[in-house]
């Protein structure tokens, strides 16, 4: 299981950062299945924790 964390000054920025991190390691034409586990804010700084599953063959999209 692979975990990814996106961070930013707002929740939106944290999700965008997470998307950029996942896009940077993904193979073209094979979008991974991403499951967001938690979103948190501490002292005005947001973080998004997600898992990544690149083996989506034969599975229904979420």
PDB file of N, CA and C in Angstrom:
ATOM      1  N   UNK A   1       0.853  -1.169   0.000  1.00  0.00           N
ATOM      2  CA  UNK A   1       0.000   0.000   0.000  1.00  0.00           C
ATOM      3  C   UNK A   1       0.901   1.235   0.000  1.00  0.00           C
ATOM      4  N   UNK A   2       0.542   2.186  -0.835  1.00  0.00           N
ATOM      5  CA  UNK A   2       1.311   3.419  -0.940  1.00  0.00           C
ATOM      6  C   UNK A   2       0.488   4.569  -0.378  1.00  0.00           C
ATOM      7  N   UNK A   3       1.098   5.351   0.487  1.00  0.00           N
ATOM      8  CA  UNK A   3       0.437   6.513   1.065  1.00  0.00           C
ATOM      9  C   UNK A   3       0.993   7.784   0.440  1.00  0.00           C
ATOM     10  N   UNK A   4       0.122   8.760   0.215  1.00  0.00           N
ATOM     11  CA  UNK A   4       0.521  10.065  -0.297  1.00  0.00           C
ATOM     12  C   UNK A   4      -0.089  11.138   0.583  1.00  0.00           C
ATOM     13  N   UNK A   5       0.644  12.231   0.750  1.00  0.00           N
ATOM     14  CA  UNK A   5       0.155  13.355   1.536  1.00  0.00           C
ATOM     15  C   UNK A   5       0.252  14.609   0.684  1.00  0.00           C
ATOM     16  N   UNK A   6      -0.854  15.326   0.583  1.00  0.00           N
ATOM     17  CA  UNK A   6      -0.864  16.631  -0.063  1.00  0.00           C
ATOM     18  C   UNK A   6      -1.015  17.688   1.010  1.00  0.00           C
ATOM     19  N   UNK A   7      -0.310  18.799   0.868  1.00  0.00           N
ATOM     20  CA  UNK A   7      -0.379  19.853   1.881  1.00  0.00           C
ATOM     21  C   UNK A   7      -0.621  21.203   1.226  1.00  0.00           C
ATOM     22  N   UNK A   8      -1.134  22.142   2.007  1.00  0.00           N
ATOM     23  CA  UNK A   8      -1.350  23.489   1.502  1.00  0.00           C
ATOM     24  C   UNK A   8      -2.015  24.383   2.524  1.00  0.00           C
ATOM     25  N   UNK A   9      -2.126  25.683   2.187  1.00  0.00           N
ATOM     26  CA  UNK A   9      -2.711  26.652   3.109  1.00  0.00           C
ATOM     27  C   UNK A   9      -4.238  26.558   3.207  1.00  0.00           C
ATOM     28  N   UNK A  10      -4.863  25.846   2.246  1.00  0.00           N
ATOM     29  CA  UNK A  10      -6.308  25.616   2.286  1.00  0.00           C
ATOM     30  C   UNK A  10      -6.559  24.152   1.942  1.00  0.00           C
ATOM     31  N   UNK A  11      -7.769  23.674   2.205  1.00  0.00           N
ATOM     32  CA  UNK A  11      -8.093  22.289   1.857  1.00  0.00           C
ATOM     33  C   UNK A  11      -7.987  22.077   0.350  1.00  0.00           C
ATOM     34  N   UNK A  12      -8.445  23.046  -0.427  1.00  0.00           N
ATOM     35  CA  UNK A  12      -8.359  22.938  -1.886  1.00  0.00           C
ATOM     36  C   UNK A  12      -6.910  22.808  -2.341  1.00  0.00           C
ATOM     37  N   UNK A  13      -6.029  23.639  -1.795  1.00  0.00           N
ATOM     38  CA  UNK A  13      -4.612  23.570  -2.166  1.00  0.00           C
ATOM     39  C   UNK A  13      -4.006  22.212  -1.795  1.00  0.00           C
ATOM     40  N   UNK A  14      -4.420  21.655  -0.672  1.00  0.00           N
ATOM     41  CA  UNK A  14      -3.909  20.347  -0.252  1.00  0.00           C
ATOM     42  C   UNK A  14      -4.340  19.258  -1.232  1.00  0.00           C
ATOM     43  N   UNK A  15      -5.594  19.322  -1.705  1.00  0.00           N
ATOM     44  CA  UNK A  15      -6.075  18.344  -2.686  1.00  0.00           C
ATOM     45  C   UNK A  15      -5.357  18.517  -4.026  1.00  0.00           C
ATOM     46  N   UNK A  16      -5.117  19.749  -4.431  1.00  0.00           N
ATOM     47  CA  UNK A  16      -4.388  20.009  -5.676  1.00  0.00           C
ATOM     48  C   UNK A  16      -2.960  19.484  -5.562  1.00  0.00           C
ATOM     49  N   UNK A  17      -2.307  19.711  -4.428  1.00  0.00           N
ATOM     50  CA  UNK A  17      -0.953  19.206  -4.209  1.00  0.00           C
ATOM     51  C   UNK A  17      -0.935  17.680  -4.264  1.00  0.00           C
ATOM     52  N   UNK A  18      -1.923  17.045  -3.657  1.00  0.00           N
ATOM     53  CA  UNK A  18      -2.036  15.590  -3.696  1.00  0.00           C
ATOM     54  C   UNK A  18      -2.166  15.116  -5.138  1.00  0.00           C
ATOM     55  N   UNK A  19      -3.016  15.766  -5.916  1.00  0.00           N
ATOM     56  CA  UNK A  19      -3.199  15.410  -7.323  1.00  0.00           C
ATOM     57  C   UNK A  19      -1.894  15.546  -8.101  1.00  0.00           C
ATOM     58  N   UNK A  20      -1.147  16.613  -7.877  1.00  0.00           N
ATOM     59  CA  UNK A  20       0.135  16.812  -8.569  1.00  0.00           C
ATOM     60  C   UNK A  20       1.135  15.716  -8.207  1.00  0.00           C
ATOM     61  N   UNK A  21       1.173  15.331  -6.946  1.00  0.00           N
ATOM     62  CA  UNK A  21       2.103  14.275  -6.512  1.00  0.00           C
ATOM     63  C   UNK A  21       1.756  12.938  -7.161  1.00  0.00           C
ATOM     64  N   UNK A  22       0.474  12.620  -7.223  1.00  0.00           N
ATOM     65  CA  UNK A  22       0.045  11.354  -7.821  1.00  0.00           C
ATOM     66  C   UNK A  22       0.273  11.370  -9.329  1.00  0.00           C
ATOM     67  N   UNK A  23      -0.036  12.481  -9.983  1.00  0.00           N
ATOM     68  CA  UNK A  23       0.174  12.607 -11.426  1.00  0.00           C
ATOM     69  C   UNK A  23       1.649  12.447 -11.785  1.00  0.00           C
ATOM     70  N   UNK A  24       2.535  12.935 -10.936  1.00  0.00           N
ATOM     71  CA  UNK A  24       3.977  12.873 -11.208  1.00  0.00           C
ATOM     72  C   UNK A  24       4.508  11.441 -11.251  1.00  0.00           C
ATOM     73  N   UNK A  25       3.869  10.510 -10.558  1.00  0.00           N
ATOM     74  CA  UNK A  25       4.377   9.138 -10.542  1.00  0.00           C
ATOM     75  C   UNK A  25       3.517   8.170 -11.350  1.00  0.00           C
ATOM     76  N   UNK A  26       2.368   8.614 -11.859  1.00  0.00           N
ATOM     77  CA  UNK A  26       1.452   7.742 -12.582  1.00  0.00           C
ATOM     78  C   UNK A  26       1.912   7.524 -14.017  1.00  0.00           C
ATOM     79  N   UNK A  27       1.594   6.342 -14.530  1.00  0.00           N
ATOM     80  CA  UNK A  27       1.872   6.026 -15.926  1.00  0.00           C
ATOM     81  C   UNK A  27       0.787   6.664 -16.792  1.00  0.00           C
ATOM     82  N   UNK A  28       1.168   7.248 -17.938  1.00  0.00           N
ATOM     83  CA  UNK A  28       0.167   7.854 -18.826  1.00  0.00           C
ATOM     84  C   UNK A  28      -0.871   6.817 -19.269  1.00  0.00           C
ATOM     85  N   UNK A  29      -2.132   7.202 -19.240  1.00  0.00           N
ATOM     86  CA  UNK A  29      -3.211   6.329 -19.688  1.00  0.00           C
ATOM     87  C   UNK A  29      -3.674   5.305 -18.670  1.00  0.00           C
ATOM     88  N   UNK A  30      -3.072   5.281 -17.503  1.00  0.00           N
ATOM     89  CA  UNK A  30      -3.485   4.332 -16.466  1.00  0.00           C
ATOM     90  C   UNK A  30      -3.731   5.073 -15.157  1.00  0.00           C
ATOM     91  N   UNK A  31      -4.877   5.721 -15.048  1.00  0.00           N
ATOM     92  CA  UNK A  31      -5.156   6.475 -13.822  1.00  0.00           C
ATOM     93  C   UNK A  31      -5.302   5.530 -12.623  1.00  0.00           C
ATOM     94  N   UNK A  32      -4.628   5.814 -11.534  1.00  0.00           N
ATOM     95  CA  UNK A  32      -4.724   4.958 -10.348  1.00  0.00           C
ATOM     96  C   UNK A  32      -6.016   5.217  -9.575  1.00  0.00           C
ATOM     97  N   UNK A  33      -6.395   4.245  -8.774  1.00  0.00           N
ATOM     98  CA  UNK A  33      -7.532   4.432  -7.872  1.00  0.00           C
ATOM     99  C   UNK A  33      -7.004   5.082  -6.599  1.00  0.00           C
ATOM    100  N   UNK A  34      -7.561   6.222  -6.248  1.00  0.00           N
ATOM    101  CA  UNK A  34      -7.118   6.974  -5.078  1.00  0.00           C
ATOM    102  C   UNK A  34      -8.231   6.961  -4.033  1.00  0.00           C
ATOM    103  N   UNK A  35      -7.866   6.649  -2.808  1.00  0.00           N
ATOM    104  CA  UNK A  35      -8.809   6.676  -1.699  1.00  0.00           C
ATOM    105  C   UNK A  35      -8.307   7.672  -0.661  1.00  0.00           C
ATOM    106  N   UNK A  36      -9.075   8.733  -0.435  1.00  0.00           N
ATOM    107  CA  UNK A  36      -8.707   9.717   0.586  1.00  0.00           C
ATOM    108  C   UNK A  36      -9.089   9.140   1.946  1.00  0.00           C
ATOM    109  N   UNK A  37      -8.102   9.052   2.830  1.00  0.00           N
ATOM    110  CA  UNK A  37      -8.322   8.487   4.158  1.00  0.00           C
ATOM    111  C   UNK A  37      -8.663   9.538   5.200  1.00  0.00           C
ATOM    112  N   UNK A  38      -8.038  10.715   5.078  1.00  0.00           N
ATOM    113  CA  UNK A  38      -8.246  11.733   6.100  1.00  0.00           C
ATOM    114  C   UNK A  38      -7.885  13.107   5.560  1.00  0.00           C
ATOM    115  N   UNK A  39      -8.572  14.104   6.052  1.00  0.00           N
ATOM    116  CA  UNK A  39      -8.266  15.512   5.777  1.00  0.00           C
ATOM    117  C   UNK A  39      -8.197  16.195   7.132  1.00  0.00           C
ATOM    118  N   UNK A  40      -7.133  16.942   7.359  1.00  0.00           N
ATOM    119  CA  UNK A  40      -6.961  17.572   8.667  1.00  0.00           C
ATOM    120  C   UNK A  40      -6.393  18.977   8.519  1.00  0.00           C
ATOM    121  N   UNK A  41      -6.627  19.793   9.538  1.00  0.00           N
ATOM    122  CA  UNK A  41      -6.088  21.147   9.573  1.00  0.00           C
ATOM    123  C   UNK A  41      -5.457  21.369  10.942  1.00  0.00           C
ATOM    124  N   UNK A  42      -4.220  21.861  10.929  1.00  0.00           N
ATOM    125  CA  UNK A  42      -3.518  22.149  12.169  1.00  0.00           C
ATOM    126  C   UNK A  42      -2.817  23.490  12.030  1.00  0.00           C
ATOM    127  N   UNK A  43      -3.142  24.425  12.898  1.00  0.00           N
ATOM    128  CA  UNK A  43      -2.547  25.769  12.869  1.00  0.00           C
ATOM    129  C   UNK A  43      -2.684  26.432  11.500  1.00  0.00           C
ATOM    130  N   UNK A  44      -3.823  26.217  10.851  1.00  0.00           N
ATOM    131  CA  UNK A  44      -4.077  26.854   9.560  1.00  0.00           C
ATOM    132  C   UNK A  44      -3.405  26.189   8.376  1.00  0.00           C
ATOM    133  N   UNK A  45      -2.813  25.002   8.569  1.00  0.00           N
ATOM    134  CA  UNK A  45      -2.161  24.288   7.477  1.00  0.00           C
ATOM    135  C   UNK A  45      -2.894  22.971   7.249  1.00  0.00           C
ATOM    136  N   UNK A  46      -3.300  22.731   6.007  1.00  0.00           N
ATOM    137  CA  UNK A  46      -4.112  21.573   5.665  1.00  0.00           C
ATOM    138  C   UNK A  46      -3.264  20.421   5.157  1.00  0.00           C
ATOM    139  N   UNK A  47      -3.738  19.192   5.393  1.00  0.00           N
ATOM    140  CA  UNK A  47      -3.093  17.991   4.872  1.00  0.00           C
ATOM    141  C   UNK A  47      -4.166  16.993   4.450  1.00  0.00           C
ATOM    142  N   UNK A  48      -3.892  16.277   3.359  1.00  0.00           N
ATOM    143  CA  UNK A  48      -4.782  15.238   2.858  1.00  0.00           C
ATOM    144  C   UNK A  48      -3.971  13.950   2.782  1.00  0.00           C
ATOM    145  N   UNK A  49      -4.453  12.881   3.416  1.00  0.00           N
ATOM    146  CA  UNK A  49      -3.789  11.586   3.394  1.00  0.00           C
ATOM    147  C   UNK A  49      -4.595  10.647   2.506  1.00  0.00           C
ATOM    148  N   UNK A  50      -3.911  10.000   1.566  1.00  0.00           N
ATOM    149  CA  UNK A  50      -4.603   9.110   0.637  1.00  0.00           C
ATOM    150  C   UNK A  50      -3.774   7.862   0.367  1.00  0.00           C
ATOM    151  N   UNK A  51      -4.463   6.798  -0.068  1.00  0.00           N
ATOM    152  CA  UNK A  51      -3.777   5.598  -0.540  1.00  0.00           C
ATOM    153  C   UNK A  51      -3.933   5.537  -2.044  1.00  0.00           C
ATOM    154  N   UNK A  52      -3.043   4.794  -2.667  1.00  0.00           N
ATOM    155  CA  UNK A  52      -2.992   4.712  -4.119  1.00  0.00           C
ATOM    156  C   UNK A  52      -2.959   3.253  -4.526  1.00  0.00           C
ATOM    157  N   UNK A  53      -3.829   2.869  -5.465  1.00  0.00           N
ATOM    158  CA  UNK A  53      -3.830   1.514  -5.998  1.00  0.00           C
ATOM    159  C   UNK A  53      -3.672   1.617  -7.506  1.00  0.00           C
ATOM    160  N   UNK A  54      -2.515   1.200  -8.016  1.00  0.00           N
ATOM    161  CA  UNK A  54      -2.258   1.293  -9.457  1.00  0.00           C
ATOM    162  C   UNK A  54      -2.747   0.063 -10.200  1.00  0.00           C
ATOM    163  N   UNK A  55      -3.091  -1.001  -9.491  1.00  0.00           N
ATOM    164  CA  UNK A  55      -3.589  -2.220 -10.119  1.00  0.00           C
ATOM    165  C   UNK A  55      -5.111  -2.175 -10.152  1.00  0.00           C
ATOM    166  N   UNK A  56      -5.661  -1.512 -11.159  1.00  0.00           N
ATOM    167  CA  UNK A  56      -7.116  -1.355 -11.253  1.00  0.00           C
ATOM    168  C   UNK A  56      -7.711  -2.249 -12.329  1.00  0.00           C
ATOM    169  N   UNK A  57      -6.948  -3.205 -12.843  1.00  0.00           N
ATOM    170  CA  UNK A  57      -7.420  -4.100 -13.888  1.00  0.00           C
ATOM    171  C   UNK A  57      -8.581  -4.940 -13.375  1.00  0.00           C
ATOM    172  N   UNK A  58      -9.689  -4.902 -14.097  1.00  0.00           N
ATOM    173  CA  UNK A  58     -10.835  -5.712 -13.740  1.00  0.00           C
ATOM    174  C   UNK A  58     -11.631  -5.216 -12.558  1.00  0.00           C
ATOM    175  N   UNK A  59     -11.347  -4.036 -12.090  1.00  0.00           N
ATOM    176  CA  UNK A  59     -12.072  -3.484 -10.949  1.00  0.00           C
ATOM    177  C   UNK A  59     -12.939  -2.323 -11.408  1.00  0.00           C
ATOM    178  N   UNK A  60     -14.057  -2.168 -10.737  1.00  0.00           N
ATOM    179  CA  UNK A  60     -14.941  -1.051 -11.051  1.00  0.00           C
ATOM    180  C   UNK A  60     -14.347   0.247 -10.525  1.00  0.00           C
ATOM    181  N   UNK A  61     -14.479   1.349 -11.303  1.00  0.00           N
ATOM    182  CA  UNK A  61     -13.984   2.639 -10.795  1.00  0.00           C
ATOM    183  C   UNK A  61     -14.814   3.103  -9.620  1.00  0.00           C
ATOM    184  N   UNK A  62     -14.189   3.850  -8.722  1.00  0.00           N
ATOM    185  CA  UNK A  62     -14.897   4.388  -7.558  1.00  0.00           C
ATOM    186  C   UNK A  62     -15.512   5.706  -7.903  1.00  0.00           C
TER     187      UNK A  62
END
